[in-house]
Amino acid sequence: IKRDVAERGRTVEDLIDRYQRIIKPMHNLHIEPTKAYANIIVPNAGENSVAIDVLREYIQRLIEK
């Protein structure tokens, strides 16, 4: 929110409207249904060092085969 307001000149009201009209419906339509097919879901992907390490080890094992 801070970045969009500062860098993109959007208002908080604009952001809330965009989230409700576009972001959330598209998430529900395209992201949520695919979770059923995921082998692993990494919450807080950029900040989840445990899950990132698990994925790194898995990929490394695939590369070594």
PDB file of N, CA and C in Angstrom:
ATOM      1  N   ILE A   1       0.840  -1.189   0.000  1.00  0.00           N
ATOM      2  CA  ILE A   1       0.000   0.000   0.000  1.00  0.00           C
ATOM      3  C   ILE A   1       0.876   1.240   0.000  1.00  0.00           C
ATOM      4  N   LYS A   2       1.871   1.260   0.881  1.00  0.00           N
ATOM      5  CA  LYS A   2       2.745   2.429   0.949  1.00  0.00           C
ATOM      6  C   LYS A   2       3.438   2.681  -0.382  1.00  0.00           C
ATOM      7  N   ARG A   3       3.940   1.600  -1.008  1.00  0.00           N
ATOM      8  CA  ARG A   3       4.635   1.747  -2.291  1.00  0.00           C
ATOM      9  C   ARG A   3       3.695   2.258  -3.372  1.00  0.00           C
ATOM     10  N   ASP A   4       2.512   1.684  -3.456  1.00  0.00           N
ATOM     11  CA  ASP A   4       1.573   2.118  -4.491  1.00  0.00           C
ATOM     12  C   ASP A   4       1.146   3.570  -4.302  1.00  0.00           C
ATOM     13  N   VAL A   5       0.980   3.980  -3.077  1.00  0.00           N
ATOM     14  CA  VAL A   5       0.620   5.376  -2.815  1.00  0.00           C
ATOM     15  C   VAL A   5       1.791   6.291  -3.151  1.00  0.00           C
ATOM     16  N   ALA A   6       2.981   5.935  -2.678  1.00  0.00           N
ATOM     17  CA  ALA A   6       4.153   6.793  -2.871  1.00  0.00           C
ATOM     18  C   ALA A   6       4.663   6.788  -4.306  1.00  0.00           C
ATOM     19  N   GLU A   7       4.805   5.600  -4.892  1.00  0.00           N
ATOM     20  CA  GLU A   7       5.448   5.497  -6.200  1.00  0.00           C
ATOM     21  C   GLU A   7       4.483   5.558  -7.371  1.00  0.00           C
ATOM     22  N   ARG A   8       3.254   5.165  -7.152  1.00  0.00           N
ATOM     23  CA  ARG A   8       2.309   5.096  -8.266  1.00  0.00           C
ATOM     24  C   ARG A   8       1.191   6.115  -8.159  1.00  0.00           C
ATOM     25  N   GLY A   9       1.192   6.870  -7.077  1.00  0.00           N
ATOM     26  CA  GLY A   9       0.211   7.931  -6.917  1.00  0.00           C
ATOM     27  C   GLY A   9      -1.216   7.461  -6.709  1.00  0.00           C
ATOM     28  N   ARG A  10      -1.372   6.232  -6.267  1.00  0.00           N
ATOM     29  CA  ARG A  10      -2.717   5.721  -6.017  1.00  0.00           C
ATOM     30  C   ARG A  10      -3.181   6.118  -4.621  1.00  0.00           C
ATOM     31  N   THR A  11      -4.478   6.143  -4.441  1.00  0.00           N
ATOM     32  CA  THR A  11      -5.029   6.407  -3.115  1.00  0.00           C
ATOM     33  C   THR A  11      -5.345   5.068  -2.448  1.00  0.00           C
ATOM     34  N   VAL A  12      -5.503   5.101  -1.149  1.00  0.00           N
ATOM     35  CA  VAL A  12      -5.871   3.882  -0.422  1.00  0.00           C
ATOM     36  C   VAL A  12      -7.224   3.387  -0.925  1.00  0.00           C
ATOM     37  N   GLU A  13      -8.130   4.299  -1.201  1.00  0.00           N
ATOM     38  CA  GLU A  13      -9.446   3.917  -1.718  1.00  0.00           C
ATOM     39  C   GLU A  13      -9.312   3.211  -3.070  1.00  0.00           C
ATOM     40  N   ASP A  14      -8.425   3.721  -3.937  1.00  0.00           N
ATOM     41  CA  ASP A  14      -8.176   3.075  -5.236  1.00  0.00           C
ATOM     42  C   ASP A  14      -7.665   1.647  -5.036  1.00  0.00           C
ATOM     43  N   LEU A  15      -6.756   1.484  -4.088  1.00  0.00           N
ATOM     44  CA  LEU A  15      -6.172   0.171  -3.841  1.00  0.00           C
ATOM     45  C   LEU A  15      -7.201  -0.813  -3.305  1.00  0.00           C
ATOM     46  N   ILE A  16      -8.033  -0.364  -2.401  1.00  0.00           N
ATOM     47  CA  ILE A  16      -9.088  -1.226  -1.854  1.00  0.00           C
ATOM     48  C   ILE A  16     -10.052  -1.632  -2.957  1.00  0.00           C
ATOM     49  N   ASP A  17     -10.437  -0.664  -3.779  1.00  0.00           N
ATOM     50  CA  ASP A  17     -11.343  -0.951  -4.893  1.00  0.00           C
ATOM     51  C   ASP A  17     -10.725  -1.960  -5.854  1.00  0.00           C
ATOM     52  N   ARG A  18      -9.472  -1.758  -6.214  1.00  0.00           N
ATOM     53  CA  ARG A  18      -8.779  -2.666  -7.137  1.00  0.00           C
ATOM     54  C   ARG A  18      -8.678  -4.067  -6.543  1.00  0.00           C
ATOM     55  N   TYR A  19      -8.371  -4.149  -5.265  1.00  0.00           N
ATOM     56  CA  TYR A  19      -8.275  -5.450  -4.601  1.00  0.00           C
ATOM     57  C   TYR A  19      -9.621  -6.171  -4.672  1.00  0.00           C
ATOM     58  N   GLN A  20     -10.686  -5.468  -4.346  1.00  0.00           N
ATOM     59  CA  GLN A  20     -12.003  -6.097  -4.309  1.00  0.00           C
ATOM     60  C   GLN A  20     -12.532  -6.447  -5.698  1.00  0.00           C
ATOM     61  N   ARG A  21     -12.247  -5.616  -6.692  1.00  0.00           N
ATOM     62  CA  ARG A  21     -12.772  -5.853  -8.037  1.00  0.00           C
ATOM     63  C   ARG A  21     -11.926  -6.807  -8.866  1.00  0.00           C
ATOM     64  N   ILE A  22     -10.589  -6.780  -8.675  1.00  0.00           N
ATOM     65  CA  ILE A  22      -9.708  -7.510  -9.575  1.00  0.00           C
ATOM     66  C   ILE A  22      -8.846  -8.555  -8.867  1.00  0.00           C
ATOM     67  N   ILE A  23      -8.089  -8.114  -7.877  1.00  0.00           N
ATOM     68  CA  ILE A  23      -7.087  -9.003  -7.266  1.00  0.00           C
ATOM     69  C   ILE A  23      -7.725 -10.218  -6.601  1.00  0.00           C
ATOM     70  N   LYS A  24      -8.635 -10.001  -5.684  1.00  0.00           N
ATOM     71  CA  LYS A  24      -9.249 -11.112  -4.945  1.00  0.00           C
ATOM     72  C   LYS A  24     -10.031 -12.042  -5.859  1.00  0.00           C
ATOM     73  N   PRO A  25     -10.883 -11.525  -6.771  1.00  0.00           N
ATOM     74  CA  PRO A  25     -11.590 -12.452  -7.672  1.00  0.00           C
ATOM     75  C   PRO A  25     -10.648 -13.274  -8.554  1.00  0.00           C
ATOM     76  N   MET A  26      -9.575 -12.678  -9.057  1.00  0.00           N
ATOM     77  CA  MET A  26      -8.627 -13.417  -9.894  1.00  0.00           C
ATOM     78  C   MET A  26      -7.858 -14.457  -9.076  1.00  0.00           C
ATOM     79  N   HIS A  27      -7.542 -14.113  -7.840  1.00  0.00           N
ATOM     80  CA  HIS A  27      -6.897 -15.078  -6.941  1.00  0.00           C
ATOM     81  C   HIS A  27      -7.829 -16.273  -6.730  1.00  0.00           C
ATOM     82  N   ASN A  28      -9.084 -15.981  -6.432  1.00  0.00           N
ATOM     83  CA  ASN A  28     -10.050 -17.058  -6.203  1.00  0.00           C
ATOM     84  C   ASN A  28     -10.268 -17.907  -7.450  1.00  0.00           C
ATOM     85  N   LEU A  29     -10.233 -17.281  -8.621  1.00  0.00           N
ATOM     86  CA  LEU A  29     -10.475 -17.985  -9.872  1.00  0.00           C
ATOM     87  C   LEU A  29      -9.275 -18.813 -10.335  1.00  0.00           C
ATOM     88  N   HIS A  30      -8.073 -18.272 -10.192  1.00  0.00           N
ATOM     89  CA  HIS A  30      -6.902 -18.913 -10.779  1.00  0.00           C
ATOM     90  C   HIS A  30      -5.935 -19.550  -9.776  1.00  0.00           C
ATOM     91  N   ILE A  31      -5.782 -18.996  -8.603  1.00  0.00           N
ATOM     92  CA  ILE A  31      -4.799 -19.496  -7.636  1.00  0.00           C
ATOM     93  C   ILE A  31      -5.391 -20.563  -6.727  1.00  0.00           C
ATOM     94  N   GLU A  32      -6.488 -20.241  -6.091  1.00  0.00           N
ATOM     95  CA  GLU A  32      -7.071 -21.181  -5.125  1.00  0.00           C
ATOM     96  C   GLU A  32      -7.337 -22.559  -5.725  1.00  0.00           C
ATOM     97  N   PRO A  33      -7.921 -22.663  -6.924  1.00  0.00           N
ATOM     98  CA  PRO A  33      -8.189 -24.000  -7.462  1.00  0.00           C
ATOM     99  C   PRO A  33      -6.923 -24.817  -7.735  1.00  0.00           C
ATOM    100  N   THR A  34      -5.829 -24.166  -8.036  1.00  0.00           N
ATOM    101  CA  THR A  34      -4.606 -24.909  -8.350  1.00  0.00           C
ATOM    102  C   THR A  34      -3.905 -25.444  -7.109  1.00  0.00           C
ATOM    103  N   LYS A  35      -4.256 -24.954  -5.954  1.00  0.00           N
ATOM    104  CA  LYS A  35      -3.628 -25.434  -4.724  1.00  0.00           C
ATOM    105  C   LYS A  35      -3.864 -26.925  -4.514  1.00  0.00           C
ATOM    106  N   ALA A  36      -4.983 -27.429  -5.009  1.00  0.00           N
ATOM    107  CA  ALA A  36      -5.296 -28.855  -4.854  1.00  0.00           C
ATOM    108  C   ALA A  36      -4.294 -29.733  -5.586  1.00  0.00           C
ATOM    109  N   TYR A  37      -3.593 -29.183  -6.569  1.00  0.00           N
ATOM    110  CA  TYR A  37      -2.641 -29.945  -7.366  1.00  0.00           C
ATOM    111  C   TYR A  37      -1.194 -29.726  -6.944  1.00  0.00           C
ATOM    112  N   ALA A  38      -0.980 -28.871  -5.977  1.00  0.00           N
ATOM    113  CA  ALA A  38       0.383 -28.541  -5.547  1.00  0.00           C
ATOM    114  C   ALA A  38       0.954 -29.635  -4.655  1.00  0.00           C
ATOM    115  N   ASN A  39       2.221 -29.931  -4.865  1.00  0.00           N
ATOM    116  CA  ASN A  39       2.923 -30.861  -3.978  1.00  0.00           C
ATOM    117  C   ASN A  39       3.332 -30.160  -2.692  1.00  0.00           C
ATOM    118  N   ILE A  40       3.604 -28.879  -2.802  1.00  0.00           N
ATOM    119  CA  ILE A  40       4.017 -28.101  -1.643  1.00  0.00           C
ATOM    120  C   ILE A  40       3.573 -26.652  -1.858  1.00  0.00           C
ATOM    121  N   ILE A  41       3.130 -26.041  -0.795  1.00  0.00           N
ATOM    122  CA  ILE A  41       2.758 -24.629  -0.811  1.00  0.00           C
ATOM    123  C   ILE A  41       3.668 -23.942   0.188  1.00  0.00           C
ATOM    124  N   VAL A  42       4.341 -22.898  -0.267  1.00  0.00           N
ATOM    125  CA  VAL A  42       5.284 -22.185   0.585  1.00  0.00           C
ATOM    126  C   VAL A  42       4.650 -20.873   1.033  1.00  0.00           C
ATOM    127  N   PRO A  43       4.168 -20.824   2.268  1.00  0.00           N
ATOM    128  CA  PRO A  43       3.615 -19.567   2.757  1.00  0.00           C
ATOM    129  C   PRO A  43       4.736 -18.551   2.991  1.00  0.00           C
ATOM    130  N   ASN A  44       4.443 -17.302   2.768  1.00  0.00           N
ATOM    131  CA  ASN A  44       5.448 -16.243   2.942  1.00  0.00           C
ATOM    132  C   ASN A  44       6.737 -16.607   2.212  1.00  0.00           C
ATOM    133  N   ALA A  45       6.605 -16.920   0.939  1.00  0.00           N
ATOM    134  CA  ALA A  45       7.694 -17.512   0.161  1.00  0.00           C
ATOM    135  C   ALA A  45       9.029 -16.795   0.305  1.00  0.00           C
ATOM    136  N   GLY A  46       9.045 -15.494   0.289  1.00  0.00           N
ATOM    137  CA  GLY A  46      10.314 -14.788   0.377  1.00  0.00           C
ATOM    138  C   GLY A  46      10.909 -14.763   1.768  1.00  0.00           C
ATOM    139  N   GLU A  47      10.115 -15.122   2.764  1.00  0.00           N
ATOM    140  CA  GLU A  47      10.567 -15.029   4.149  1.00  0.00           C
ATOM    141  C   GLU A  47      10.536 -16.373   4.866  1.00  0.00           C
ATOM    142  N   ASN A  48      10.384 -17.449   4.131  1.00  0.00           N
ATOM    143  CA  ASN A  48      10.233 -18.757   4.750  1.00  0.00           C
ATOM    144  C   ASN A  48      11.484 -19.592   4.476  1.00  0.00           C
ATOM    145  N   SER A  49      12.504 -19.376   5.272  1.00  0.00           N
ATOM    146  CA  SER A  49      13.799 -20.019   5.019  1.00  0.00           C
ATOM    147  C   SER A  49      13.739 -21.540   5.143  1.00  0.00           C
ATOM    148  N   VAL A  50      12.904 -22.080   6.003  1.00  0.00           N
ATOM    149  CA  VAL A  50      12.801 -23.531   6.157  1.00  0.00           C
ATOM    150  C   VAL A  50      12.258 -24.151   4.872  1.00  0.00           C
ATOM    151  N   ALA A  51      11.166 -23.610   4.364  1.00  0.00           N
ATOM    152  CA  ALA A  51      10.580 -24.145   3.134  1.00  0.00           C
ATOM    153  C   ALA A  51      11.518 -23.944   1.946  1.00  0.00           C
ATOM    154  N   ILE A  52      12.176 -22.817   1.885  1.00  0.00           N
ATOM    155  CA  ILE A  52      13.119 -22.555   0.797  1.00  0.00           C
ATOM    156  C   ILE A  52      14.262 -23.564   0.843  1.00  0.00           C
ATOM    157  N   ASP A  53      14.754 -23.897   2.026  1.00  0.00           N
ATOM    158  CA  ASP A  53      15.812 -24.897   2.158  1.00  0.00           C
ATOM    159  C   ASP A  53      15.338 -26.282   1.703  1.00  0.00           C
ATOM    160  N   VAL A  54      14.111 -26.636   2.052  1.00  0.00           N
ATOM    161  CA  VAL A  54      13.550 -27.923   1.617  1.00  0.00           C
ATOM    162  C   VAL A  54      13.493 -27.967   0.093  1.00  0.00           C
ATOM    163  N   LEU A  55      13.014 -26.909  -0.522  1.00  0.00           N
ATOM    164  CA  LEU A  55      12.944 -26.862  -1.986  1.00  0.00           C
ATOM    165  C   LEU A  55      14.333 -26.897  -2.620  1.00  0.00           C
ATOM    166  N   ARG A  56      15.265 -26.180  -2.039  1.00  0.00           N
ATOM    167  CA  ARG A  56      16.630 -26.157  -2.554  1.00  0.00           C
ATOM    168  C   ARG A  56      17.233 -27.563  -2.534  1.00  0.00           C
ATOM    169  N   GLU A  57      17.062 -28.273  -1.434  1.00  0.00           N
ATOM    170  CA  GLU A  57      17.583 -29.633  -1.330  1.00  0.00           C
ATOM    171  C   GLU A  57      16.918 -30.572  -2.327  1.00  0.00           C
ATOM    172  N   TYR A  58      15.622 -30.439  -2.508  1.00  0.00           N
ATOM    173  CA  TYR A  58      14.888 -31.270  -3.455  1.00  0.00           C
ATOM    174  C   TYR A  58      15.394 -31.029  -4.878  1.00  0.00           C
ATOM    175  N   ILE A  59      15.525 -29.780  -5.263  1.00  0.00           N
ATOM    176  CA  ILE A  59      16.015 -29.431  -6.601  1.00  0.00           C
ATOM    177  C   ILE A  59      17.451 -29.927  -6.784  1.00  0.00           C
ATOM    178  N   GLN A  60      18.268 -29.780  -5.773  1.00  0.00           N
ATOM    179  CA  GLN A  60      19.657 -30.245  -5.862  1.00  0.00           C
ATOM    180  C   GLN A  60      19.706 -31.745  -6.102  1.00  0.00           C
ATOM    181  N   ARG A  61      18.849 -32.492  -5.406  1.00  0.00           N
ATOM    182  CA  ARG A  61      18.808 -33.950  -5.622  1.00  0.00           C
ATOM    183  C   ARG A  61      18.372 -34.299  -7.036  1.00  0.00           C
ATOM    184  N   LEU A  62      17.413 -33.548  -7.575  1.00  0.00           N
ATOM    185  CA  LEU A  62      16.995 -33.791  -8.961  1.00  0.00           C
ATOM    186  C   LEU A  62      18.120 -33.521  -9.943  1.00  0.00           C
ATOM    187  N   ILE A  63      18.854 -32.483  -9.707  1.00  0.00           N
ATOM    188  CA  ILE A  63      19.978 -32.113 -10.597  1.00  0.00           C
ATOM    189  C   ILE A  63      21.054 -33.183 -10.566  1.00  0.00           C
ATOM    190  N   GLU A  64      21.300 -33.742  -9.396  1.00  0.00           N
ATOM    191  CA  GLU A  64      22.367 -34.732  -9.234  1.00  0.00           C
ATOM    192  C   GLU A  64      22.027 -36.088  -9.838  1.00  0.00           C
ATOM    193  N   LYS A  65      20.765 -36.347 -10.120  1.00  0.00           N
ATOM    194  CA  LYS A  65      20.365 -37.658 -10.690  1.00  0.00           C
ATOM    195  C   LYS A  65      20.826 -37.798 -12.113  1.00  0.00           C
TER     196      LYS A  65
END
